[in-house]
Amino acid sequence: SVKRLAPCFGIDCPEGADLNIVGKKIVDRVDEIQKHCRMKNMKELGLPESFCDMAAAEIAKDKKWAIVPNPPDFELLRQIIHEAYDC
């Protein structure tokens, strides 16, 4: 959860904080770390953009999701993978 991740990245998450704002700060911090480490994105690694759809589909069809009380929104996951493709 955002509340648990925030301190790991040195981000304050006081009681009553807007978790969307805190979540955005976490994403920004991860982006900073990736750039600092010169971590290549999927495009730079030579993966075709079609990999994003394939990865999302493979994740979604994992049978273990049947026991997860609140599985992710797999369409949103697919969109996020696409957004990360060339970040």
N, C-alpha and C. Protein backbone atom coordinates (compact mmCIF):
# COMPACT_ATOMS: atom_id res chain seq x y z
N SER A 1 0.83 -1.18 0.00
CA SER A 1 0.00 0.00 0.00
C SER A 1 0.88 1.24 0.00
N VAL A 2 0.29 2.33 -0.42
CA VAL A 2 1.00 3.60 -0.49
C VAL A 2 1.56 3.97 0.88
N LYS A 3 0.78 3.74 1.94
CA LYS A 3 1.22 4.11 3.28
C LYS A 3 2.49 3.36 3.69
N ARG A 4 2.64 2.13 3.23
CA ARG A 4 3.83 1.35 3.57
C ARG A 4 5.01 1.66 2.66
N LEU A 5 4.72 1.96 1.41
CA LEU A 5 5.80 2.24 0.46
C LEU A 5 6.44 3.61 0.67
N ALA A 6 5.63 4.60 1.01
CA ALA A 6 6.13 5.97 1.12
C ALA A 6 7.39 6.10 1.98
N PRO A 7 7.41 5.57 3.20
CA PRO A 7 8.61 5.72 4.03
C PRO A 7 9.85 5.06 3.41
N CYS A 8 9.65 4.01 2.63
CA CYS A 8 10.78 3.33 1.98
C CYS A 8 11.48 4.24 0.99
N PHE A 9 10.76 5.23 0.49
CA PHE A 9 11.32 6.16 -0.48
C PHE A 9 11.57 7.54 0.13
N GLY A 10 11.47 7.63 1.46
CA GLY A 10 11.72 8.89 2.14
C GLY A 10 10.62 9.91 1.94
N ILE A 11 9.41 9.43 1.73
CA ILE A 11 8.27 10.32 1.47
C ILE A 11 7.33 10.27 2.67
N ASP A 12 6.94 11.44 3.17
CA ASP A 12 6.01 11.51 4.29
C ASP A 12 4.61 11.08 3.86
N CYS A 13 3.95 10.37 4.74
CA CYS A 13 2.56 9.96 4.51
C CYS A 13 1.82 10.06 5.83
N PRO A 14 1.56 11.30 6.27
CA PRO A 14 0.88 11.47 7.56
C PRO A 14 -0.57 10.98 7.49
N GLU A 15 -1.15 10.75 8.63
CA GLU A 15 -2.55 10.35 8.72
C GLU A 15 -3.41 11.36 7.98
N GLY A 16 -4.31 10.89 7.15
CA GLY A 16 -5.20 11.77 6.40
C GLY A 16 -4.61 12.32 5.12
N ALA A 17 -3.39 11.90 4.77
CA ALA A 17 -2.76 12.40 3.55
C ALA A 17 -3.54 11.92 2.32
N ASP A 18 -3.51 12.71 1.26
CA ASP A 18 -4.13 12.33 0.00
C ASP A 18 -3.25 11.24 -0.62
N LEU A 19 -3.74 10.01 -0.64
CA LEU A 19 -2.92 8.88 -1.10
C LEU A 19 -2.62 8.94 -2.58
N ASN A 20 -3.45 9.64 -3.35
CA ASN A 20 -3.14 9.82 -4.77
C ASN A 20 -1.90 10.71 -4.95
N ILE A 21 -1.81 11.74 -4.15
CA ILE A 21 -0.65 12.64 -4.21
C ILE A 21 0.60 11.91 -3.73
N VAL A 22 0.48 11.18 -2.64
CA VAL A 22 1.62 10.42 -2.11
C VAL A 22 2.04 9.36 -3.14
N GLY A 23 1.08 8.70 -3.76
CA GLY A 23 1.39 7.71 -4.78
C GLY A 23 2.15 8.31 -5.94
N LYS A 24 1.74 9.50 -6.37
CA LYS A 24 2.43 10.21 -7.47
C LYS A 24 3.87 10.52 -7.07
N LYS A 25 4.08 10.90 -5.81
CA LYS A 25 5.43 11.19 -5.33
C LYS A 25 6.30 9.92 -5.37
N ILE A 26 5.69 8.79 -5.04
CA ILE A 26 6.42 7.51 -5.09
C ILE A 26 6.83 7.21 -6.53
N VAL A 27 5.89 7.36 -7.45
CA VAL A 27 6.18 7.11 -8.88
C VAL A 27 7.30 8.03 -9.35
N ASP A 28 7.23 9.30 -8.98
CA ASP A 28 8.29 10.25 -9.37
C ASP A 28 9.64 9.85 -8.80
N ARG A 29 9.66 9.37 -7.56
CA ARG A 29 10.91 8.95 -6.93
C ARG A 29 11.48 7.72 -7.64
N VAL A 30 10.63 6.77 -7.99
CA VAL A 30 11.09 5.58 -8.72
C VAL A 30 11.68 6.01 -10.07
N ASP A 31 11.02 6.94 -10.75
CA ASP A 31 11.54 7.45 -12.02
C ASP A 31 12.93 8.07 -11.84
N GLU A 32 13.10 8.85 -10.77
CA GLU A 32 14.39 9.46 -10.47
C GLU A 32 15.47 8.40 -10.26
N ILE A 33 15.14 7.37 -9.51
CA ILE A 33 16.09 6.29 -9.23
C ILE A 33 16.48 5.58 -10.52
N GLN A 34 15.49 5.29 -11.36
CA GLN A 34 15.77 4.61 -12.63
C GLN A 34 16.69 5.45 -13.51
N LYS A 35 16.44 6.74 -13.59
CA LYS A 35 17.29 7.63 -14.40
C LYS A 35 18.69 7.71 -13.82
N HIS A 36 18.77 7.82 -12.51
CA HIS A 36 20.07 7.91 -11.84
C HIS A 36 20.92 6.66 -12.10
N CYS A 37 20.26 5.51 -12.12
CA CYS A 37 20.95 4.23 -12.34
C CYS A 37 21.14 3.92 -13.83
N ARG A 38 20.64 4.83 -14.68
CA ARG A 38 20.68 4.63 -16.13
C ARG A 38 20.02 3.32 -16.55
N MET A 39 18.92 3.03 -15.89
CA MET A 39 18.16 1.81 -16.17
C MET A 39 17.43 1.97 -17.50
N LYS A 40 17.59 1.01 -18.39
CA LYS A 40 16.96 1.09 -19.70
C LYS A 40 15.48 0.73 -19.60
N ASN A 41 14.69 1.37 -20.45
CA ASN A 41 13.27 1.03 -20.50
C ASN A 41 13.07 -0.11 -21.51
N MET A 42 11.84 -0.57 -21.64
CA MET A 42 11.56 -1.71 -22.52
C MET A 42 11.93 -1.41 -23.97
N LYS A 43 11.66 -0.19 -24.42
CA LYS A 43 11.97 0.20 -25.80
C LYS A 43 13.48 0.15 -26.02
N GLU A 44 14.24 0.70 -25.08
CA GLU A 44 15.71 0.71 -25.19
C GLU A 44 16.30 -0.69 -25.14
N LEU A 45 15.59 -1.61 -24.49
CA LEU A 45 16.04 -3.00 -24.44
C LEU A 45 15.73 -3.76 -25.73
N GLY A 46 14.99 -3.10 -26.64
CA GLY A 46 14.69 -3.71 -27.92
C GLY A 46 13.41 -4.52 -27.95
N LEU A 47 12.59 -4.40 -26.91
CA LEU A 47 11.32 -5.13 -26.90
C LEU A 47 10.32 -4.42 -27.79
N PRO A 48 9.53 -5.17 -28.55
CA PRO A 48 8.48 -4.51 -29.35
C PRO A 48 7.37 -4.03 -28.42
N GLU A 49 6.67 -2.98 -28.83
CA GLU A 49 5.60 -2.46 -27.97
C GLU A 49 4.49 -3.49 -27.76
N SER A 50 4.37 -4.43 -28.66
CA SER A 50 3.37 -5.49 -28.50
C SER A 50 3.64 -6.34 -27.26
N PHE A 51 4.86 -6.28 -26.76
CA PHE A 51 5.21 -6.99 -25.52
C PHE A 51 4.31 -6.54 -24.37
N CYS A 52 3.92 -5.27 -24.36
CA CYS A 52 3.09 -4.74 -23.27
C CYS A 52 1.77 -5.48 -23.18
N ASP A 53 1.11 -5.68 -24.32
CA ASP A 53 -0.17 -6.39 -24.33
C ASP A 53 0.02 -7.86 -23.94
N MET A 54 1.10 -8.45 -24.45
CA MET A 54 1.36 -9.86 -24.15
C MET A 54 1.62 -10.04 -22.65
N ALA A 55 2.44 -9.16 -22.07
CA ALA A 55 2.75 -9.26 -20.65
C ALA A 55 1.49 -9.10 -19.80
N ALA A 56 0.66 -8.11 -20.14
CA ALA A 56 -0.58 -7.89 -19.39
C ALA A 56 -1.51 -9.11 -19.49
N ALA A 57 -1.60 -9.68 -20.69
CA ALA A 57 -2.47 -10.85 -20.88
C ALA A 57 -1.96 -12.05 -20.08
N GLU A 58 -0.65 -12.25 -20.07
CA GLU A 58 -0.08 -13.37 -19.32
C GLU A 58 -0.29 -13.20 -17.82
N ILE A 59 -0.11 -11.98 -17.34
CA ILE A 59 -0.33 -11.71 -15.92
C ILE A 59 -1.79 -11.97 -15.56
N ALA A 60 -2.71 -11.51 -16.40
CA ALA A 60 -4.14 -11.63 -16.13
C ALA A 60 -4.61 -13.08 -16.10
N LYS A 61 -4.00 -13.95 -16.91
CA LYS A 61 -4.51 -15.32 -16.96
C LYS A 61 -3.88 -16.25 -15.92
N ASP A 62 -3.03 -15.72 -15.06
CA ASP A 62 -2.45 -16.53 -13.98
C ASP A 62 -3.57 -16.99 -13.05
N LYS A 63 -3.68 -18.26 -12.85
CA LYS A 63 -4.78 -18.84 -12.06
C LYS A 63 -4.72 -18.46 -10.58
N LYS A 64 -3.60 -17.99 -10.11
CA LYS A 64 -3.49 -17.60 -8.70
C LYS A 64 -4.37 -16.40 -8.35
N TRP A 65 -4.77 -15.62 -9.35
CA TRP A 65 -5.64 -14.49 -9.07
C TRP A 65 -6.98 -14.93 -8.49
N ALA A 66 -7.36 -16.19 -8.69
CA ALA A 66 -8.64 -16.70 -8.20
C ALA A 66 -8.72 -16.65 -6.67
N ILE A 67 -7.58 -16.68 -5.98
CA ILE A 67 -7.60 -16.66 -4.52
C ILE A 67 -7.31 -15.27 -3.93
N VAL A 68 -7.07 -14.30 -4.79
CA VAL A 68 -6.77 -12.95 -4.33
C VAL A 68 -8.09 -12.21 -4.11
N PRO A 69 -8.30 -11.68 -2.89
CA PRO A 69 -9.58 -11.03 -2.58
C PRO A 69 -9.87 -9.82 -3.48
N ASN A 70 -8.86 -9.04 -3.82
CA ASN A 70 -9.05 -7.83 -4.64
C ASN A 70 -8.03 -7.83 -5.77
N PRO A 71 -8.26 -8.62 -6.81
CA PRO A 71 -7.30 -8.65 -7.91
C PRO A 71 -7.22 -7.28 -8.61
N PRO A 72 -6.12 -7.01 -9.27
CA PRO A 72 -5.97 -5.71 -9.94
C PRO A 72 -6.92 -5.58 -11.12
N ASP A 73 -7.09 -4.36 -11.56
CA ASP A 73 -7.82 -4.05 -12.78
C ASP A 73 -6.84 -4.31 -13.92
N PHE A 74 -7.03 -5.39 -14.64
CA PHE A 74 -6.05 -5.81 -15.64
C PHE A 74 -5.98 -4.88 -16.84
N GLU A 75 -7.07 -4.20 -17.14
CA GLU A 75 -7.02 -3.20 -18.22
C GLU A 75 -6.15 -2.02 -17.79
N LEU A 76 -6.28 -1.61 -16.54
CA LEU A 76 -5.43 -0.54 -16.02
C LEU A 76 -3.98 -0.98 -16.01
N LEU A 77 -3.73 -2.22 -15.62
CA LEU A 77 -2.37 -2.76 -15.63
C LEU A 77 -1.79 -2.71 -17.04
N ARG A 78 -2.58 -3.08 -18.04
CA ARG A 78 -2.12 -3.04 -19.43
C ARG A 78 -1.75 -1.61 -19.82
N GLN A 79 -2.58 -0.65 -19.42
CA GLN A 79 -2.30 0.76 -19.72
C GLN A 79 -1.01 1.22 -19.05
N ILE A 80 -0.80 0.81 -17.81
CA ILE A 80 0.40 1.20 -17.07
C ILE A 80 1.66 0.62 -17.73
N ILE A 81 1.58 -0.63 -18.16
CA ILE A 81 2.73 -1.24 -18.83
C ILE A 81 3.04 -0.47 -20.12
N HIS A 82 2.00 -0.08 -20.86
CA HIS A 82 2.22 0.73 -22.07
C HIS A 82 2.87 2.06 -21.74
N GLU A 83 2.41 2.70 -20.66
CA GLU A 83 2.98 3.99 -20.27
C GLU A 83 4.45 3.84 -19.89
N ALA A 84 4.81 2.72 -19.30
CA ALA A 84 6.19 2.49 -18.87
C ALA A 84 7.09 2.07 -20.02
N TYR A 85 6.53 1.73 -21.15
CA TYR A 85 7.30 1.19 -22.28
C TYR A 85 8.51 2.06 -22.65
N ASP A 86 8.30 3.35 -22.78
CA ASP A 86 9.43 4.19 -23.18
C ASP A 86 9.73 5.33 -22.21
N CYS A 87 9.40 5.09 -20.94
CA CYS A 87 9.73 6.08 -19.89
C CYS A 87 11.17 5.93 -19.47
